[in-house]
Amino acid sequence: MAGGGAGELSPTLVAAPVADARGALLEVGGRESTSVAAAIEGLASEPAFQVMASASLAARPQWAGLVDDLFERPLLKNAKAGLRNALMSTLTGDTLYRNVFFSFADAVILWHYGHTQERTGSARLDATYDALQRLLVGADAFLETAPPTAEPDVEYFHRLRRVRLTRDNAYPMLRRAGRLLGAVEAEITQERLHAVRGSMLTSYVTFSAQVIAMARALRAERDAIDRSDVLSGLRAITTLLATPPAALAG
């Protein structure tokens, strides 16, 4: 649906829900969010994203396969130890829940499946883990970022879970980007979206952008995400979804 040059929104007619959601995002994000809106709409023409949208309607094991080994690796083990569940996070005032971070991991697993349709083998887990690490430390520069030499430890996740979401209208912009993605996805699947939750894929992508934004703010030693963090997170995850795993190899 995105046409013309990079970052340009298509002048052609689009479905009303997509147009409405685009307008809602631009209302909060302004001109600087135009390229992100175009990238989100452009996913509709990506065959791999079409596979992801269809696959995410099925039960997770049907596209994820066996991923126990992935969740035993240091990054995800430390995330499990350093983050709390939703109830405890709410009680303690944490802003990053364990299930949100694991949705980030699921989004990257689904990305790999969308491009390869692979459900077995250690190479896919290696590629998924590599992408997770790059996104966490590189945000929208992940393609030019090497995986870190030192894994984030438990204390890193203790700090990450305290990064706030309430500054600079950042979180509303993230939510509206999710609404646009959901509208684009619905055009592919023809499934009715839940009014609050959206779809599984939309949740995965929105949570991924949130995690990447929070990690970016933490690297800059800020206590809250801002709009630039959200835009970076959205650019990062939409770029990943359109990028074949082979582009990250080597």
Protein backbone atom coordinates (compact mmCIF):
# COMPACT_ATOMS: atom_id res chain seq x y z
CA MET A 1 0.00 0.00 0.00
CA ALA A 2 2.98 2.29 0.40
CA GLY A 3 3.93 3.79 -2.92
CA GLY A 4 6.44 6.21 -4.39
CA GLY A 5 9.71 6.74 -2.59
CA ALA A 6 10.67 5.55 0.87
CA GLY A 7 8.66 7.23 3.56
CA GLU A 8 5.91 8.40 1.24
CA LEU A 9 2.28 7.49 1.82
CA SER A 10 0.39 6.14 -1.15
CA PRO A 11 -2.04 8.56 -2.77
CA THR A 12 -4.16 5.64 -3.94
CA LEU A 13 -7.38 4.67 -2.24
CA VAL A 14 -7.05 2.46 0.80
CA ALA A 15 -9.65 0.77 2.98
CA ALA A 16 -11.42 3.09 5.39
CA PRO A 17 -10.09 1.39 8.56
CA VAL A 18 -6.52 1.76 7.28
CA ALA A 19 -7.06 5.40 6.34
CA ASP A 20 -8.68 6.14 9.72
CA ALA A 21 -5.90 4.41 11.64
CA ARG A 22 -3.26 6.22 9.58
CA GLY A 23 -4.91 9.55 10.37
CA ALA A 24 -5.01 8.71 14.09
CA LEU A 25 -1.29 7.89 14.09
CA LEU A 26 -0.35 11.06 12.22
CA GLU A 27 -2.51 13.11 14.57
CA VAL A 28 -0.33 12.08 17.50
CA GLY A 29 2.98 11.47 15.72
CA GLY A 30 2.97 14.37 13.28
CA ARG A 31 5.09 14.53 10.15
CA GLU A 32 7.90 12.56 11.76
CA SER A 33 5.63 9.50 11.91
CA THR A 34 4.83 9.56 8.18
CA SER A 35 7.66 7.20 7.24
CA VAL A 36 6.62 4.75 9.95
CA ALA A 37 3.01 4.80 8.72
CA ALA A 38 4.24 4.13 5.18
CA ALA A 39 6.43 1.25 6.37
CA ILE A 40 3.52 -0.32 8.25
CA GLU A 41 1.20 -0.04 5.25
CA GLY A 42 3.95 -1.35 2.99
CA LEU A 43 4.04 -4.64 4.91
CA ALA A 44 0.79 -5.62 3.18
CA SER A 45 2.71 -6.19 -0.06
CA GLU A 46 5.38 -8.36 1.59
CA PRO A 47 4.72 -12.08 0.95
CA ALA A 48 6.48 -12.99 4.20
CA PHE A 49 4.21 -10.68 6.19
CA GLN A 50 1.20 -12.26 4.55
CA VAL A 51 2.48 -15.64 5.78
CA MET A 52 2.98 -14.21 9.28
CA ALA A 53 -0.53 -12.75 9.34
CA SER A 54 -2.10 -16.05 8.32
CA ALA A 55 0.14 -18.19 10.53
CA SER A 56 -0.51 -16.09 13.64
CA LEU A 57 -4.18 -17.06 13.48
CA ALA A 58 -3.18 -20.65 14.26
CA ALA A 59 -1.97 -22.08 17.56
CA ARG A 60 1.58 -21.02 18.37
CA PRO A 61 3.22 -24.50 18.06
CA GLN A 62 2.03 -24.73 14.46
CA TRP A 63 4.45 -21.97 13.42
CA ALA A 64 6.93 -21.76 16.30
CA GLY A 65 7.82 -25.43 16.47
CA LEU A 66 10.06 -26.48 19.35
CA VAL A 67 11.75 -23.44 20.86
CA ASP A 68 12.68 -24.65 24.35
CA ASP A 69 16.39 -24.38 23.53
CA LEU A 70 15.95 -20.73 22.55
CA PHE A 71 14.39 -19.85 25.90
CA GLU A 72 17.28 -21.53 27.72
CA ARG A 73 19.79 -19.07 26.26
CA PRO A 74 21.20 -16.34 28.53
CA LEU A 75 19.22 -13.37 27.18
CA LEU A 76 15.86 -15.04 27.69
CA LYS A 77 16.80 -16.80 30.92
CA ASN A 78 17.92 -13.48 32.39
CA ALA A 79 14.76 -11.78 31.13
CA LYS A 80 12.65 -14.44 32.87
CA ALA A 81 14.59 -13.94 36.10
CA GLY A 82 14.67 -10.15 35.91
CA LEU A 83 11.06 -9.41 34.90
CA ARG A 84 7.82 -10.07 36.76
CA ASN A 85 4.44 -11.30 35.60
CA ALA A 86 1.70 -8.80 34.80
CA LEU A 87 0.03 -8.91 38.23
CA MET A 88 3.24 -8.40 40.20
CA SER A 89 4.41 -5.73 37.75
CA THR A 90 1.17 -3.83 38.26
CA LEU A 91 1.54 -4.03 42.03
CA THR A 92 5.16 -2.88 41.97
CA GLY A 93 4.79 -0.20 39.30
CA ASP A 94 6.99 -1.93 36.70
CA THR A 95 6.28 -0.98 33.09
CA LEU A 96 7.77 -4.03 31.35
CA TYR A 97 6.10 -7.37 32.02
CA ARG A 98 7.69 -10.75 31.39
CA ASN A 99 5.02 -11.70 28.85
CA VAL A 100 5.65 -8.47 26.91
CA PHE A 101 9.33 -9.32 26.52
CA PHE A 102 8.53 -12.89 25.55
CA SER A 103 6.09 -11.55 22.95
CA PHE A 104 9.10 -9.74 21.48
CA ALA A 105 10.83 -13.11 21.20
CA ASP A 106 7.72 -14.66 19.64
CA ALA A 107 7.57 -11.84 17.09
CA VAL A 108 11.10 -12.63 15.95
CA ILE A 109 10.36 -16.37 15.81
CA LEU A 110 7.33 -15.59 13.65
CA TRP A 111 9.44 -13.28 11.45
CA HIS A 112 11.82 -16.15 10.73
CA TYR A 113 8.94 -18.51 9.99
CA GLY A 114 7.28 -16.00 7.68
CA HIS A 115 10.37 -15.82 5.49
CA THR A 116 11.47 -19.47 5.64
CA GLN A 117 8.50 -21.61 6.83
CA GLU A 118 11.09 -23.49 8.93
CA ARG A 119 9.88 -25.03 12.18
CA THR A 120 12.87 -27.18 13.08
CA GLY A 121 16.63 -26.95 13.30
CA SER A 122 19.11 -25.07 15.46
CA ALA A 123 20.08 -22.65 12.67
CA ARG A 124 16.68 -20.92 12.86
CA LEU A 125 17.06 -20.53 16.63
CA ASP A 126 20.55 -19.08 16.12
CA ALA A 127 19.18 -16.59 13.58
CA THR A 128 16.30 -15.66 15.88
CA TYR A 129 18.60 -15.14 18.86
CA ASP A 130 21.00 -13.05 16.78
CA ALA A 131 18.14 -10.81 15.63
CA LEU A 132 16.84 -10.39 19.19
CA GLN A 133 20.25 -9.29 20.41
CA ARG A 134 20.78 -6.89 17.53
CA LEU A 135 17.38 -5.26 17.95
CA LEU A 136 17.88 -4.84 21.68
CA VAL A 137 21.22 -3.03 21.32
CA GLY A 138 20.84 -1.45 17.87
CA ALA A 139 17.16 -0.46 17.55
CA ASP A 140 16.58 0.80 14.00
CA ALA A 141 20.31 0.44 13.25
CA PHE A 142 20.18 -3.29 13.97
CA LEU A 143 21.25 -4.30 10.45
CA GLU A 144 24.58 -2.53 11.02
CA THR A 145 24.88 -3.62 14.66
CA ALA A 146 26.82 -6.68 15.81
CA PRO A 147 25.41 -8.79 18.63
CA PRO A 148 26.84 -7.70 21.99
CA THR A 149 29.87 -9.50 23.35
CA ALA A 150 28.32 -9.51 26.83
CA GLU A 151 24.76 -10.74 27.40
CA PRO A 152 22.37 -8.47 29.32
CA ASP A 153 22.33 -9.70 32.91
CA VAL A 154 19.46 -9.90 35.39
CA GLU A 155 20.23 -6.43 36.73
CA TYR A 156 19.82 -5.05 33.22
CA PHE A 157 16.23 -6.27 33.19
CA HIS A 158 15.66 -4.84 36.67
CA ARG A 159 16.56 -1.43 35.22
CA LEU A 160 14.68 -1.98 31.97
CA ARG A 161 11.42 -2.82 33.73
CA ARG A 162 11.44 0.60 35.43
CA VAL A 163 11.69 2.73 32.27
CA ARG A 164 8.48 4.76 32.17
CA LEU A 165 6.07 4.99 29.22
CA THR A 166 4.25 8.21 30.04
CA ARG A 167 6.43 10.99 28.61
CA ASP A 168 6.11 12.96 25.37
CA ASN A 169 2.90 11.25 24.19
CA ALA A 170 5.11 8.29 23.32
CA TYR A 171 2.85 5.46 24.43
CA PRO A 172 -0.29 6.76 22.68
CA MET A 173 1.75 6.95 19.47
CA LEU A 174 2.82 3.34 19.95
CA ARG A 175 -0.77 2.24 20.47
CA ARG A 176 -1.96 4.07 17.38
CA ALA A 177 0.77 2.49 15.30
CA GLY A 178 -0.52 -0.87 16.53
CA ARG A 179 -4.01 0.10 15.45
CA LEU A 180 -2.72 0.87 11.94
CA LEU A 181 -0.87 -2.42 11.77
CA GLY A 182 -4.02 -4.23 12.87
CA ALA A 183 -6.04 -2.56 10.12
CA VAL A 184 -3.42 -3.54 7.53
CA GLU A 185 -3.36 -7.10 8.83
CA ALA A 186 -7.16 -7.35 8.76
CA GLU A 187 -7.12 -6.44 5.07
CA ILE A 188 -4.95 -9.53 4.52
CA THR A 189 -6.72 -12.02 6.76
CA GLN A 190 -10.27 -10.63 6.53
CA GLU A 191 -10.55 -11.41 10.25
CA ARG A 192 -12.41 -9.09 12.61
CA LEU A 193 -10.03 -7.54 15.12
CA HIS A 194 -10.74 -7.48 18.83
CA ALA A 195 -11.61 -3.89 19.76
CA VAL A 196 -9.08 -3.76 22.61
CA ARG A 197 -6.48 -6.49 22.08
CA GLY A 198 -6.22 -6.37 18.32
CA SER A 199 -4.66 -9.55 16.92
CA MET A 200 -1.85 -11.77 18.15
CA LEU A 201 0.49 -10.44 15.46
CA THR A 202 -0.39 -6.83 16.22
CA SER A 203 0.30 -7.44 19.91
CA TYR A 204 3.64 -9.08 19.12
CA VAL A 205 4.76 -6.19 16.94
CA THR A 206 3.55 -3.47 19.29
CA PHE A 207 5.20 -5.12 22.28
CA SER A 208 8.41 -5.54 20.29
CA ALA A 209 8.51 -1.84 19.47
CA GLN A 210 7.90 -1.07 23.15
CA VAL A 211 10.80 -3.28 24.28
CA ILE A 212 13.15 -1.82 21.69
CA ALA A 213 12.11 1.73 22.65
CA MET A 214 12.67 1.03 26.35
CA ALA A 215 16.10 -0.47 25.68
CA ARG A 216 17.03 2.58 23.61
CA ALA A 217 15.98 4.95 26.40
CA LEU A 218 17.96 2.91 28.93
CA ARG A 219 21.10 3.09 26.78
CA ALA A 220 20.70 6.87 26.73
CA GLU A 221 20.33 6.82 30.53
CA ARG A 222 16.82 8.23 30.40
CA ASP A 223 14.11 7.16 32.83
CA ALA A 224 11.28 7.24 30.25
CA ILE A 225 10.77 6.60 26.57
CA ASP A 226 10.09 9.52 24.26
CA ARG A 227 8.69 9.78 20.76
CA SER A 228 12.10 9.26 19.16
CA ASP A 229 12.43 5.94 21.01
CA VAL A 230 9.01 4.80 19.83
CA LEU A 231 9.73 5.79 16.24
CA SER A 232 13.04 3.94 16.40
CA GLY A 233 11.35 0.85 17.82
CA LEU A 234 8.65 0.92 15.16
CA ARG A 235 11.19 1.42 12.36
CA ALA A 236 13.25 -1.45 13.75
CA ILE A 237 10.48 -4.02 13.95
CA THR A 238 8.84 -3.09 10.63
CA THR A 239 12.23 -3.23 8.92
CA LEU A 240 12.87 -6.65 10.43
CA LEU A 241 9.54 -8.02 9.25
CA ALA A 242 10.38 -7.02 5.67
CA THR A 243 13.99 -8.30 5.84
CA PRO A 244 14.86 -11.93 5.04
CA PRO A 245 16.99 -13.72 7.65
CA ALA A 246 19.78 -14.19 5.12
CA ALA A 247 20.36 -10.42 5.20
CA LEU A 248 21.47 -10.70 8.83
CA ALA A 249 23.72 -13.71 8.28
CA GLY A 250 27.47 -13.44 8.11
